[in-house]
Amino acid sequence: AVGTADQLDSLLVSVYQTLQSSGV
């Protein structure tokens, strides 16, 4: 739990873009 340093949304974008580029 890191408060203002939360980067989960950026990680989620990376996952999303990977799924999109693979056609999922």
PDB file of all heavy atoms in Angstrom:
ATOM      1  N   ALA A   1       0.880  -1.173   0.000  1.00  0.00           N
ATOM      2  CA  ALA A   1       0.000   0.000   0.000  1.00  0.00           C
ATOM      3  C   ALA A   1       0.914   1.218   0.000  1.00  0.00           C
ATOM      4  O   ALA A   1       1.685   1.415   0.932  1.00  0.00           O
ATOM      5  CB  ALA A   1      -0.907   0.002   1.229  1.00  0.00           C
ATOM      6  N   VAL A   2       0.852   2.006  -1.077  1.00  0.00           N
ATOM      7  CA  VAL A   2       1.860   3.044  -1.279  1.00  0.00           C
ATOM      8  C   VAL A   2       1.281   4.446  -1.449  1.00  0.00           C
ATOM      9  O   VAL A   2       2.009   5.368  -1.784  1.00  0.00           O
ATOM     10  CB  VAL A   2       2.737   2.700  -2.507  1.00  0.00           C
ATOM     11  CG1 VAL A   2       3.544   1.447  -2.253  1.00  0.00           C
ATOM     12  CG2 VAL A   2       1.879   2.526  -3.760  1.00  0.00           C
ATOM     13  N   GLY A   3      -0.018   4.601  -1.230  1.00  0.00           N
ATOM     14  CA  GLY A   3      -0.602   5.933  -1.273  1.00  0.00           C
ATOM     15  C   GLY A   3      -0.447   6.609  -2.618  1.00  0.00           C
ATOM     16  O   GLY A   3      -0.869   6.106  -3.656  1.00  0.00           O
ATOM     17  N   THR A   4       0.206   7.776  -2.631  1.00  0.00           N
ATOM     18  CA  THR A   4       0.283   8.593  -3.843  1.00  0.00           C
ATOM     19  C   THR A   4       1.174   7.986  -4.916  1.00  0.00           C
ATOM     20  O   THR A   4       1.156   8.434  -6.062  1.00  0.00           O
ATOM     21  CB  THR A   4       0.805   9.992  -3.494  1.00  0.00           C
ATOM     22  OG1 THR A   4       2.081   9.868  -2.839  1.00  0.00           O
ATOM     23  CG2 THR A   4      -0.164  10.708  -2.560  1.00  0.00           C
ATOM     24  N   ALA A   5       1.975   6.970  -4.583  1.00  0.00           N
ATOM     25  CA  ALA A   5       2.857   6.349  -5.570  1.00  0.00           C
ATOM     26  C   ALA A   5       2.201   5.171  -6.285  1.00  0.00           C
ATOM     27  O   ALA A   5       2.869   4.383  -6.941  1.00  0.00           O
ATOM     28  CB  ALA A   5       4.149   5.883  -4.902  1.00  0.00           C
ATOM     29  N   ASP A   6       0.892   5.035  -6.189  1.00  0.00           N
ATOM     30  CA  ASP A   6       0.171   3.913  -6.793  1.00  0.00           C
ATOM     31  C   ASP A   6       0.319   3.938  -8.315  1.00  0.00           C
ATOM     32  O   ASP A   6      -0.015   4.922  -8.960  1.00  0.00           O
ATOM     33  CB  ASP A   6      -1.301   4.006  -6.398  1.00  0.00           C
ATOM     34  CG  ASP A   6      -2.086   2.754  -6.752  1.00  0.00           C
ATOM     35  OD1 ASP A   6      -1.538   1.884  -7.467  1.00  0.00           O
ATOM     36  OD2 ASP A   6      -3.239   2.652  -6.320  1.00  0.00           O
ATOM     37  N   GLN A   7       0.812   2.858  -8.876  1.00  0.00           N
ATOM     38  CA  GLN A   7       0.997   2.742 -10.320  1.00  0.00           C
ATOM     39  C   GLN A   7       0.160   1.618 -10.932  1.00  0.00           C
ATOM     40  O   GLN A   7       0.421   1.212 -12.059  1.00  0.00           O
ATOM     41  CB  GLN A   7       2.478   2.503 -10.632  1.00  0.00           C
ATOM     42  CG  GLN A   7       3.396   3.642 -10.225  1.00  0.00           C
ATOM     43  CD  GLN A   7       3.104   4.918 -11.006  1.00  0.00           C
ATOM     44  OE1 GLN A   7       2.946   4.876 -12.215  1.00  0.00           O
ATOM     45  NE2 GLN A   7       3.010   6.031 -10.311  1.00  0.00           N
ATOM     46  N   LEU A   8      -0.818   1.119 -10.195  1.00  0.00           N
ATOM     47  CA  LEU A   8      -1.601   0.017 -10.733  1.00  0.00           C
ATOM     48  C   LEU A   8      -2.341   0.409 -12.007  1.00  0.00           C
ATOM     49  O   LEU A   8      -2.540  -0.416 -12.898  1.00  0.00           O
ATOM     50  CB  LEU A   8      -2.598  -0.497  -9.700  1.00  0.00           C
ATOM     51  CG  LEU A   8      -2.107  -1.517  -8.671  1.00  0.00           C
ATOM     52  CD1 LEU A   8      -3.275  -2.068  -7.881  1.00  0.00           C
ATOM     53  CD2 LEU A   8      -1.324  -2.646  -9.323  1.00  0.00           C
ATOM     54  N   ASP A   9      -2.764   1.662 -12.111  1.00  0.00           N
ATOM     55  CA  ASP A   9      -3.487   2.051 -13.317  1.00  0.00           C
ATOM     56  C   ASP A   9      -2.573   1.993 -14.535  1.00  0.00           C
ATOM     57  O   ASP A   9      -2.978   1.561 -15.619  1.00  0.00           O
ATOM     58  CB  ASP A   9      -4.144   3.426 -13.162  1.00  0.00           C
ATOM     59  CG  ASP A   9      -3.161   4.544 -12.911  1.00  0.00           C
ATOM     60  OD1 ASP A   9      -2.007   4.254 -12.531  1.00  0.00           O
ATOM     61  OD2 ASP A   9      -3.532   5.718 -13.107  1.00  0.00           O
ATOM     62  N   SER A  10      -1.301   2.386 -14.378  1.00  0.00           N
ATOM     63  CA  SER A  10      -0.359   2.293 -15.496  1.00  0.00           C
ATOM     64  C   SER A  10      -0.105   0.845 -15.879  1.00  0.00           C
ATOM     65  O   SER A  10       0.003   0.504 -17.070  1.00  0.00           O
ATOM     66  CB  SER A  10       0.958   2.980 -15.126  1.00  0.00           C
ATOM     67  OG  SER A  10       0.759   4.353 -14.886  1.00  0.00           O
ATOM     68  N   LEU A  11      -0.017  -0.025 -14.889  1.00  0.00           N
ATOM     69  CA  LEU A  11       0.163  -1.448 -15.172  1.00  0.00           C
ATOM     70  C   LEU A  11      -1.044  -1.997 -15.911  1.00  0.00           C
ATOM     71  O   LEU A  11      -0.911  -2.788 -16.854  1.00  0.00           O
ATOM     72  CB  LEU A  11       0.398  -2.209 -13.865  1.00  0.00           C
ATOM     73  CG  LEU A  11       0.531  -3.733 -13.982  1.00  0.00           C
ATOM     74  CD1 LEU A  11       1.677  -4.111 -14.909  1.00  0.00           C
ATOM     75  CD2 LEU A  11       0.737  -4.343 -12.588  1.00  0.00           C
ATOM     76  N   LEU A  12      -2.233  -1.567 -15.498  1.00  0.00           N
ATOM     77  CA  LEU A  12      -3.439  -2.050 -16.159  1.00  0.00           C
ATOM     78  C   LEU A  12      -3.456  -1.621 -17.622  1.00  0.00           C
ATOM     79  O   LEU A  12      -3.863  -2.392 -18.504  1.00  0.00           O
ATOM     80  CB  LEU A  12      -4.675  -1.543 -15.431  1.00  0.00           C
ATOM     81  CG  LEU A  12      -5.991  -2.140 -15.930  1.00  0.00           C
ATOM     82  CD1 LEU A  12      -6.918  -2.447 -14.777  1.00  0.00           C
ATOM     83  CD2 LEU A  12      -6.670  -1.203 -16.906  1.00  0.00           C
ATOM     84  N   VAL A  13      -2.999  -0.391 -17.907  1.00  0.00           N
ATOM     85  CA  VAL A  13      -2.923   0.063 -19.293  1.00  0.00           C
ATOM     86  C   VAL A  13      -2.009  -0.845 -20.103  1.00  0.00           C
ATOM     87  O   VAL A  13      -2.324  -1.221 -21.236  1.00  0.00           O
ATOM     88  CB  VAL A  13      -2.430   1.523 -19.355  1.00  0.00           C
ATOM     89  CG1 VAL A  13      -2.039   1.899 -20.783  1.00  0.00           C
ATOM     90  CG2 VAL A  13      -3.505   2.460 -18.842  1.00  0.00           C
ATOM     91  N   SER A  14      -0.884  -1.245 -19.524  1.00  0.00           N
ATOM     92  CA  SER A  14       0.031  -2.139 -20.236  1.00  0.00           C
ATOM     93  C   SER A  14      -0.628  -3.479 -20.540  1.00  0.00           C
ATOM     94  O   SER A  14      -0.474  -4.024 -21.640  1.00  0.00           O
ATOM     95  CB  SER A  14       1.304  -2.347 -19.411  1.00  0.00           C
ATOM     96  OG  SER A  14       2.006  -1.138 -19.244  1.00  0.00           O
ATOM     97  N   VAL A  15      -1.362  -4.012 -19.572  1.00  0.00           N
ATOM     98  CA  VAL A  15      -2.069  -5.271 -19.788  1.00  0.00           C
ATOM     99  C   VAL A  15      -3.108  -5.097 -20.890  1.00  0.00           C
ATOM    100  O   VAL A  15      -3.232  -5.929 -21.805  1.00  0.00           O
ATOM    101  CB  VAL A  15      -2.738  -5.754 -18.486  1.00  0.00           C
ATOM    102  CG1 VAL A  15      -3.636  -6.960 -18.743  1.00  0.00           C
ATOM    103  CG2 VAL A  15      -1.677  -6.087 -17.435  1.00  0.00           C
ATOM    104  N   TYR A  16      -3.856  -4.015 -20.827  1.00  0.00           N
ATOM    105  CA  TYR A  16      -4.880  -3.734 -21.830  1.00  0.00           C
ATOM    106  C   TYR A  16      -4.267  -3.673 -23.227  1.00  0.00           C
ATOM    107  O   TYR A  16      -4.783  -4.287 -24.181  1.00  0.00           O
ATOM    108  CB  TYR A  16      -5.581  -2.416 -21.505  1.00  0.00           C
ATOM    109  CG  TYR A  16      -6.526  -1.950 -22.586  1.00  0.00           C
ATOM    110  CD1 TYR A  16      -7.864  -2.336 -22.591  1.00  0.00           C
ATOM    111  CD2 TYR A  16      -6.069  -1.142 -23.621  1.00  0.00           C
ATOM    112  CE1 TYR A  16      -8.724  -1.926 -23.586  1.00  0.00           C
ATOM    113  CE2 TYR A  16      -6.922  -0.732 -24.625  1.00  0.00           C
ATOM    114  CZ  TYR A  16      -8.253  -1.122 -24.609  1.00  0.00           C
ATOM    115  OH  TYR A  16      -9.094  -0.721 -25.604  1.00  0.00           O
ATOM    116  N   GLN A  17      -3.174  -2.921 -23.358  1.00  0.00           N
ATOM    117  CA  GLN A  17      -2.568  -2.758 -24.672  1.00  0.00           C
ATOM    118  C   GLN A  17      -2.021  -4.084 -25.205  1.00  0.00           C
ATOM    119  O   GLN A  17      -2.076  -4.347 -26.405  1.00  0.00           O
ATOM    120  CB  GLN A  17      -1.472  -1.694 -24.590  1.00  0.00           C
ATOM    121  CG  GLN A  17      -2.033  -0.302 -24.358  1.00  0.00           C
ATOM    122  CD  GLN A  17      -0.963   0.750 -24.108  1.00  0.00           C
ATOM    123  OE1 GLN A  17       0.142   0.431 -23.671  1.00  0.00           O
ATOM    124  NE2 GLN A  17      -1.275   2.000 -24.390  1.00  0.00           N
ATOM    125  N   THR A  18      -1.518  -4.923 -24.311  1.00  0.00           N
ATOM    126  CA  THR A  18      -1.048  -6.247 -24.724  1.00  0.00           C
ATOM    127  C   THR A  18      -2.209  -7.089 -25.244  1.00  0.00           C
ATOM    128  O   THR A  18      -2.109  -7.752 -26.283  1.00  0.00           O
ATOM    129  CB  THR A  18      -0.364  -6.964 -23.548  1.00  0.00           C
ATOM    130  OG1 THR A  18       0.764  -6.197 -23.126  1.00  0.00           O
ATOM    131  CG2 THR A  18       0.092  -8.357 -23.943  1.00  0.00           C
ATOM    132  N   LEU A  19      -3.335  -7.056 -24.525  1.00  0.00           N
ATOM    133  CA  LEU A  19      -4.510  -7.803 -24.968  1.00  0.00           C
ATOM    134  C   LEU A  19      -5.041  -7.265 -26.289  1.00  0.00           C
ATOM    135  O   LEU A  19      -5.462  -8.028 -27.164  1.00  0.00           O
ATOM    136  CB  LEU A  19      -5.604  -7.732 -23.892  1.00  0.00           C
ATOM    137  CG  LEU A  19      -5.300  -8.441 -22.573  1.00  0.00           C
ATOM    138  CD1 LEU A  19      -6.394  -8.140 -21.553  1.00  0.00           C
ATOM    139  CD2 LEU A  19      -5.172  -9.941 -22.774  1.00  0.00           C
ATOM    140  N   GLN A  20      -5.010  -5.961 -26.438  1.00  0.00           N
ATOM    141  CA  GLN A  20      -5.512  -5.373 -27.676  1.00  0.00           C
ATOM    142  C   GLN A  20      -4.611  -5.718 -28.865  1.00  0.00           C
ATOM    143  O   GLN A  20      -5.098  -6.074 -29.945  1.00  0.00           O
ATOM    144  CB  GLN A  20      -5.620  -3.856 -27.530  1.00  0.00           C
ATOM    145  CG  GLN A  20      -6.384  -3.192 -28.667  1.00  0.00           C
ATOM    146  CD  GLN A  20      -6.547  -1.716 -28.435  1.00  0.00           C
ATOM    147  OE1 GLN A  20      -5.577  -0.972 -28.514  1.00  0.00           O
ATOM    148  NE2 GLN A  20      -7.761  -1.287 -28.147  1.00  0.00           N
ATOM    149  N   SER A  21      -3.297  -5.641 -28.661  1.00  0.00           N
ATOM    150  CA  SER A  21      -2.384  -5.933 -29.764  1.00  0.00           C
ATOM    151  C   SER A  21      -2.441  -7.395 -30.183  1.00  0.00           C
ATOM    152  O   SER A  21      -2.140  -7.739 -31.331  1.00  0.00           O
ATOM    153  CB  SER A  21      -0.950  -5.562 -29.373  1.00  0.00           C
ATOM    154  OG  SER A  21      -0.495  -6.369 -28.295  1.00  0.00           O
ATOM    155  N   SER A  22      -2.849  -8.270 -29.249  1.00  0.00           N
ATOM    156  CA  SER A  22      -2.959  -9.690 -29.579  1.00  0.00           C
ATOM    157  C   SER A  22      -4.337 -10.065 -30.110  1.00  0.00           C
ATOM    158  O   SER A  22      -4.594 -11.229 -30.410  1.00  0.00           O
ATOM    159  CB  SER A  22      -2.646 -10.541 -28.348  1.00  0.00           C
ATOM    160  OG  SER A  22      -3.624 -10.339 -27.333  1.00  0.00           O
ATOM    161  N   GLY A  23      -5.227  -9.084 -30.189  1.00  0.00           N
ATOM    162  CA  GLY A  23      -6.545  -9.323 -30.753  1.00  0.00           C
ATOM    163  C   GLY A  23      -7.592  -9.803 -29.777  1.00  0.00           C
ATOM    164  O   GLY A  23      -8.725 -10.075 -30.172  1.00  0.00           O
ATOM    165  N   VAL A  24      -7.257  -9.906 -28.505  1.00  0.00           N
ATOM    166  CA  VAL A  24      -8.234 -10.351 -27.508  1.00  0.00           C
ATOM    167  C   VAL A  24      -9.304  -9.287 -27.303  1.00  0.00           C
ATOM    168  O   VAL A  24     -10.493  -9.585 -27.145  1.00  0.00           O
ATOM    169  CB  VAL A  24      -7.524 -10.686 -26.183  1.00  0.00           C
ATOM    170  CG1 VAL A  24      -8.545 -11.033 -25.091  1.00  0.00           C
ATOM    171  CG2 VAL A  24      -6.541 -11.831 -26.381  1.00  0.00           C
TER     172      VAL A  24
END
